[in-house]
Amino acid sequence: MTWSPSDMQHREPHIAVKTARKVGALVRWIVLVALCGLAVAAVVGIGITVLFTAIENGL
């Protein structure tokens, strides 16, 4: 089956477009997971700081 310029049938998006969409979705998930990880790390860090401060002050 060959394609000619006169063939104006709608075609599916090219593989590059599909791949770009998938990569974009993957990048969004990676950023979301990284931000959640940073938030958890911040909460743990604050908790440890408060704990050590309480221990130093004689709890």
PDB file of N, CA and C in Angstrom:
ATOM      1  N   MET A   1       0.853  -1.183   0.000  1.00  0.00           N
ATOM      2  CA  MET A   1       0.000   0.000   0.000  1.00  0.00           C
ATOM      3  C   MET A   1       0.895   1.241   0.000  1.00  0.00           C
ATOM      4  N   THR A   2       0.693   2.093  -0.962  1.00  0.00           N
ATOM      5  CA  THR A   2       1.515   3.294  -1.066  1.00  0.00           C
ATOM      6  C   THR A   2       0.668   4.510  -0.761  1.00  0.00           C
ATOM      7  N   TRP A   3       1.349   5.595  -0.429  1.00  0.00           N
ATOM      8  CA  TRP A   3       0.672   6.836  -0.107  1.00  0.00           C
ATOM      9  C   TRP A   3       1.011   7.860  -1.163  1.00  0.00           C
ATOM     10  N   SER A   4       0.015   8.593  -1.591  1.00  0.00           N
ATOM     11  CA  SER A   4       0.273   9.660  -2.562  1.00  0.00           C
ATOM     12  C   SER A   4      -0.226  10.975  -1.972  1.00  0.00           C
ATOM     13  N   PRO A   5       0.356  12.089  -2.387  1.00  0.00           N
ATOM     14  CA  PRO A   5      -0.072  13.397  -1.857  1.00  0.00           C
ATOM     15  C   PRO A   5      -1.547  13.683  -2.087  1.00  0.00           C
ATOM     16  N   SER A   6      -2.144  13.069  -3.087  1.00  0.00           N
ATOM     17  CA  SER A   6      -3.560  13.309  -3.357  1.00  0.00           C
ATOM     18  C   SER A   6      -4.457  12.556  -2.377  1.00  0.00           C
ATOM     19  N   ASP A   7      -3.885  11.642  -1.618  1.00  0.00           N
ATOM     20  CA  ASP A   7      -4.645  10.879  -0.624  1.00  0.00           C
ATOM     21  C   ASP A   7      -4.830  11.757   0.615  1.00  0.00           C
ATOM     22  N   MET A   8      -6.006  12.276   0.811  1.00  0.00           N
ATOM     23  CA  MET A   8      -6.259  13.227   1.910  1.00  0.00           C
ATOM     24  C   MET A   8      -6.950  12.560   3.096  1.00  0.00           C
ATOM     25  N   GLN A   9      -6.849  11.262   3.176  1.00  0.00           N
ATOM     26  CA  GLN A   9      -7.467  10.541   4.275  1.00  0.00           C
ATOM     27  C   GLN A   9      -6.797  10.933   5.593  1.00  0.00           C
ATOM     28  N   HIS A  10      -7.582  11.074   6.657  1.00  0.00           N
ATOM     29  CA  HIS A  10      -7.004  11.397   7.959  1.00  0.00           C
ATOM     30  C   HIS A  10      -6.230  10.197   8.477  1.00  0.00           C
ATOM     31  N   ARG A  11      -5.064  10.470   8.949  1.00  0.00           N
ATOM     32  CA  ARG A  11      -4.225   9.392   9.462  1.00  0.00           C
ATOM     33  C   ARG A  11      -4.032   9.577  10.962  1.00  0.00           C
ATOM     34  N   GLU A  12      -3.644   8.497  11.616  1.00  0.00           N
ATOM     35  CA  GLU A  12      -3.363   8.587  13.050  1.00  0.00           C
ATOM     36  C   GLU A  12      -2.135   9.463  13.254  1.00  0.00           C
ATOM     37  N   PRO A  13      -2.007  10.055  14.444  1.00  0.00           N
ATOM     38  CA  PRO A  13      -0.817  10.866  14.694  1.00  0.00           C
ATOM     39  C   PRO A  13       0.447  10.026  14.506  1.00  0.00           C
ATOM     40  N   HIS A  14       1.468  10.697  14.078  1.00  0.00           N
ATOM     41  CA  HIS A  14       2.734  10.002  13.850  1.00  0.00           C
ATOM     42  C   HIS A  14       3.270   9.436  15.153  1.00  0.00           C
ATOM     43  N   ILE A  15       4.144   8.478  15.016  1.00  0.00           N
ATOM     44  CA  ILE A  15       4.711   7.815  16.191  1.00  0.00           C
ATOM     45  C   ILE A  15       5.451   8.818  17.074  1.00  0.00           C
ATOM     46  N   ALA A  16       6.036   9.850  16.474  1.00  0.00           N
ATOM     47  CA  ALA A  16       6.761  10.863  17.255  1.00  0.00           C
ATOM     48  C   ALA A  16       5.807  11.630  18.165  1.00  0.00           C
ATOM     49  N   VAL A  17       4.615  11.917  17.683  1.00  0.00           N
ATOM     50  CA  VAL A  17       3.633  12.637  18.496  1.00  0.00           C
ATOM     51  C   VAL A  17       3.174  11.763  19.652  1.00  0.00           C
ATOM     52  N   LYS A  18       2.902  10.502  19.358  1.00  0.00           N
ATOM     53  CA  LYS A  18       2.481   9.578  20.417  1.00  0.00           C
ATOM     54  C   LYS A  18       3.586   9.424  21.453  1.00  0.00           C
ATOM     55  N   THR A  19       4.815   9.283  20.987  1.00  0.00           N
ATOM     56  CA  THR A  19       5.946   9.121  21.899  1.00  0.00           C
ATOM     57  C   THR A  19       6.129  10.374  22.745  1.00  0.00           C
ATOM     58  N   ALA A  20       5.991  11.540  22.146  1.00  0.00           N
ATOM     59  CA  ALA A  20       6.138  12.793  22.890  1.00  0.00           C
ATOM     60  C   ALA A  20       5.074  12.901  23.976  1.00  0.00           C
ATOM     61  N   ARG A  21       3.867  12.482  23.683  1.00  0.00           N
ATOM     62  CA  ARG A  21       2.799  12.521  24.688  1.00  0.00           C
ATOM     63  C   ARG A  21       3.104  11.575  25.840  1.00  0.00           C
ATOM     64  N   LYS A  22       3.584  10.379  25.500  1.00  0.00           N
ATOM     65  CA  LYS A  22       3.914   9.414  26.547  1.00  0.00           C
ATOM     66  C   LYS A  22       5.071   9.910  27.400  1.00  0.00           C
ATOM     67  N   VAL A  23       6.071  10.498  26.766  1.00  0.00           N
ATOM     68  CA  VAL A  23       7.217  11.030  27.503  1.00  0.00           C
ATOM     69  C   VAL A  23       6.761  12.192  28.387  1.00  0.00           C
ATOM     70  N   GLY A  24       5.889  13.030  27.876  1.00  0.00           N
ATOM     71  CA  GLY A  24       5.370  14.148  28.672  1.00  0.00           C
ATOM     72  C   GLY A  24       4.633  13.657  29.905  1.00  0.00           C
ATOM     73  N   ALA A  25       3.820  12.627  29.739  1.00  0.00           N
ATOM     74  CA  ALA A  25       3.092  12.062  30.881  1.00  0.00           C
ATOM     75  C   ALA A  25       4.066  11.445  31.879  1.00  0.00           C
ATOM     76  N   LEU A  26       5.084  10.760  31.387  1.00  0.00           N
ATOM     77  CA  LEU A  26       6.087  10.161  32.265  1.00  0.00           C
ATOM     78  C   LEU A  26       6.837  11.222  33.043  1.00  0.00           C
ATOM     79  N   VAL A  27       7.200  12.310  32.370  1.00  0.00           N
ATOM     80  CA  VAL A  27       7.917  13.400  33.041  1.00  0.00           C
ATOM     81  C   VAL A  27       7.044  14.019  34.125  1.00  0.00           C
ATOM     82  N   ARG A  28       5.755  14.195  33.850  1.00  0.00           N
ATOM     83  CA  ARG A  28       4.852  14.745  34.867  1.00  0.00           C
ATOM     84  C   ARG A  28       4.799  13.844  36.087  1.00  0.00           C
ATOM     85  N   TRP A  29       4.731  12.518  35.880  1.00  0.00           N
ATOM     86  CA  TRP A  29       4.709  11.585  37.016  1.00  0.00           C
ATOM     87  C   TRP A  29       6.015  11.637  37.795  1.00  0.00           C
ATOM     88  N   ILE A  30       7.137  11.725  37.090  1.00  0.00           N
ATOM     89  CA  ILE A  30       8.436  11.791  37.766  1.00  0.00           C
ATOM     90  C   ILE A  30       8.527  13.054  38.606  1.00  0.00           C
ATOM     91  N   VAL A  31       8.089  14.180  38.060  1.00  0.00           N
ATOM     92  CA  VAL A  31       8.114  15.440  38.816  1.00  0.00           C
ATOM     93  C   VAL A  31       7.197  15.346  40.030  1.00  0.00           C
ATOM     94  N   LEU A  32       6.022  14.771  39.857  1.00  0.00           N
ATOM     95  CA  LEU A  32       5.078  14.623  40.969  1.00  0.00           C
ATOM     96  C   LEU A  32       5.673  13.759  42.080  1.00  0.00           C
ATOM     97  N   VAL A  33       6.266  12.637  41.719  1.00  0.00           N
ATOM     98  CA  VAL A  33       6.870  11.749  42.708  1.00  0.00           C
ATOM     99  C   VAL A  33       8.046  12.440  43.396  1.00  0.00           C
ATOM    100  N   ALA A  34       8.851  13.177  42.634  1.00  0.00           N
ATOM    101  CA  ALA A  34       9.987  13.882  43.220  1.00  0.00           C
ATOM    102  C   ALA A  34       9.520  14.944  44.214  1.00  0.00           C
ATOM    103  N   LEU A  35       8.482  15.691  43.871  1.00  0.00           N
ATOM    104  CA  LEU A  35       7.959  16.715  44.780  1.00  0.00           C
ATOM    105  C   LEU A  35       7.381  16.087  46.042  1.00  0.00           C
ATOM    106  N   CYS A  36       6.688  14.976  45.894  1.00  0.00           N
ATOM    107  CA  CYS A  36       6.161  14.277  47.072  1.00  0.00           C
ATOM    108  C   CYS A  36       7.307  13.782  47.950  1.00  0.00           C
ATOM    109  N   GLY A  37       8.360  13.276  47.324  1.00  0.00           N
ATOM    110  CA  GLY A  37       9.529  12.838  48.074  1.00  0.00           C
ATOM    111  C   GLY A  37      10.186  13.979  48.837  1.00  0.00           C
ATOM    112  N   LEU A  38      10.285  15.131  48.198  1.00  0.00           N
ATOM    113  CA  LEU A  38      10.851  16.301  48.872  1.00  0.00           C
ATOM    114  C   LEU A  38       9.980  16.739  50.041  1.00  0.00           C
ATOM    115  N   ALA A  39       8.677  16.684  49.868  1.00  0.00           N
ATOM    116  CA  ALA A  39       7.771  17.064  50.951  1.00  0.00           C
ATOM    117  C   ALA A  39       7.916  16.110  52.134  1.00  0.00           C
ATOM    118  N   VAL A  40       7.991  14.819  51.862  1.00  0.00           N
ATOM    119  CA  VAL A  40       8.172  13.835  52.935  1.00  0.00           C
ATOM    120  C   VAL A  40       9.509  14.056  53.626  1.00  0.00           C
ATOM    121  N   ALA A  41      10.564  14.299  52.846  1.00  0.00           N
ATOM    122  CA  ALA A  41      11.888  14.538  53.424  1.00  0.00           C
ATOM    123  C   ALA A  41      11.880  15.791  54.309  1.00  0.00           C
ATOM    124  N   ALA A  42      11.171  16.828  53.894  1.00  0.00           N
ATOM    125  CA  ALA A  42      11.088  18.043  54.697  1.00  0.00           C
ATOM    126  C   ALA A  42      10.371  17.783  56.009  1.00  0.00           C
ATOM    127  N   VAL A  43       9.278  17.048  55.972  1.00  0.00           N
ATOM    128  CA  VAL A  43       8.531  16.740  57.191  1.00  0.00           C
ATOM    129  C   VAL A  43       9.383  15.893  58.136  1.00  0.00           C
ATOM    130  N   VAL A  44      10.078  14.898  57.598  1.00  0.00           N
ATOM    131  CA  VAL A  44      10.946  14.064  58.429  1.00  0.00           C
ATOM    132  C   VAL A  44      12.076  14.904  59.020  1.00  0.00           C
ATOM    133  N   GLY A  45      12.660  15.770  58.223  1.00  0.00           N
ATOM    134  CA  GLY A  45      13.730  16.643  58.710  1.00  0.00           C
ATOM    135  C   GLY A  45      13.266  17.548  59.827  1.00  0.00           C
ATOM    136  N   ILE A  46      12.109  18.135  59.675  1.00  0.00           N
ATOM    137  CA  ILE A  46      11.560  19.009  60.721  1.00  0.00           C
ATOM    138  C   ILE A  46      11.276  18.195  61.977  1.00  0.00           C
ATOM    139  N   GLY A  47      10.726  16.994  61.796  1.00  0.00           N
ATOM    140  CA  GLY A  47      10.443  16.126  62.943  1.00  0.00           C
ATOM    141  C   GLY A  47      11.707  15.762  63.700  1.00  0.00           C
ATOM    142  N   ILE A  48      12.762  15.420  62.997  1.00  0.00           N
ATOM    143  CA  ILE A  48      14.032  15.079  63.646  1.00  0.00           C
ATOM    144  C   ILE A  48      14.618  16.291  64.364  1.00  0.00           C
ATOM    145  N   THR A  49      14.532  17.451  63.739  1.00  0.00           N
ATOM    146  CA  THR A  49      15.033  18.679  64.366  1.00  0.00           C
ATOM    147  C   THR A  49      14.283  18.966  65.662  1.00  0.00           C
ATOM    148  N   VAL A  50      12.969  18.846  65.618  1.00  0.00           N
ATOM    149  CA  VAL A  50      12.160  19.084  66.819  1.00  0.00           C
ATOM    150  C   VAL A  50      12.513  18.063  67.898  1.00  0.00           C
ATOM    151  N   LEU A  51      12.689  16.809  67.510  1.00  0.00           N
ATOM    152  CA  LEU A  51      13.036  15.755  68.465  1.00  0.00           C
ATOM    153  C   LEU A  51      14.372  16.042  69.144  1.00  0.00           C
ATOM    154  N   PHE A  52      15.397  16.364  68.368  1.00  0.00           N
ATOM    155  CA  PHE A  52      16.705  16.648  68.958  1.00  0.00           C
ATOM    156  C   PHE A  52      16.684  17.912  69.807  1.00  0.00           C
ATOM    157  N   THR A  53      15.924  18.902  69.388  1.00  0.00           N
ATOM    158  CA  THR A  53      15.803  20.125  70.183  1.00  0.00           C
ATOM    159  C   THR A  53      15.140  19.807  71.513  1.00  0.00           C
ATOM    160  N   ALA A  54      14.115  18.968  71.485  1.00  0.00           N
ATOM    161  CA  ALA A  54      13.438  18.573  72.734  1.00  0.00           C
ATOM    162  C   ALA A  54      14.387  17.796  73.628  1.00  0.00           C
ATOM    163  N   ILE A  55      15.193  16.916  73.064  1.00  0.00           N
ATOM    164  CA  ILE A  55      16.144  16.127  73.861  1.00  0.00           C
ATOM    165  C   ILE A  55      17.190  17.045  74.487  1.00  0.00           C
ATOM    166  N   GLU A  56      17.693  18.009  73.734  1.00  0.00           N
ATOM    167  CA  GLU A  56      18.679  18.947  74.250  1.00  0.00           C
ATOM    168  C   GLU A  56      18.093  19.791  75.384  1.00  0.00           C
ATOM    169  N   ASN A  57      16.831  20.117  75.285  1.00  0.00           N
ATOM    170  CA  ASN A  57      16.200  20.963  76.310  1.00  0.00           C
ATOM    171  C   ASN A  57      15.699  20.163  77.487  1.00  0.00           C
ATOM    172  N   GLY A  58      15.937  18.879  77.500  1.00  0.00           N
ATOM    173  CA  GLY A  58      15.592  18.075  78.658  1.00  0.00           C
ATOM    174  C   GLY A  58      14.186  17.508  78.629  1.00  0.00           C
ATOM    175  N   LEU A  59      13.595  17.403  77.512  1.00  0.00           N
ATOM    176  CA  LEU A  59      12.252  16.832  77.283  1.00  0.00           C
ATOM    177  C   LEU A  59      11.407  16.774  78.514  1.00  0.00           C
TER     178      LEU A  59
END
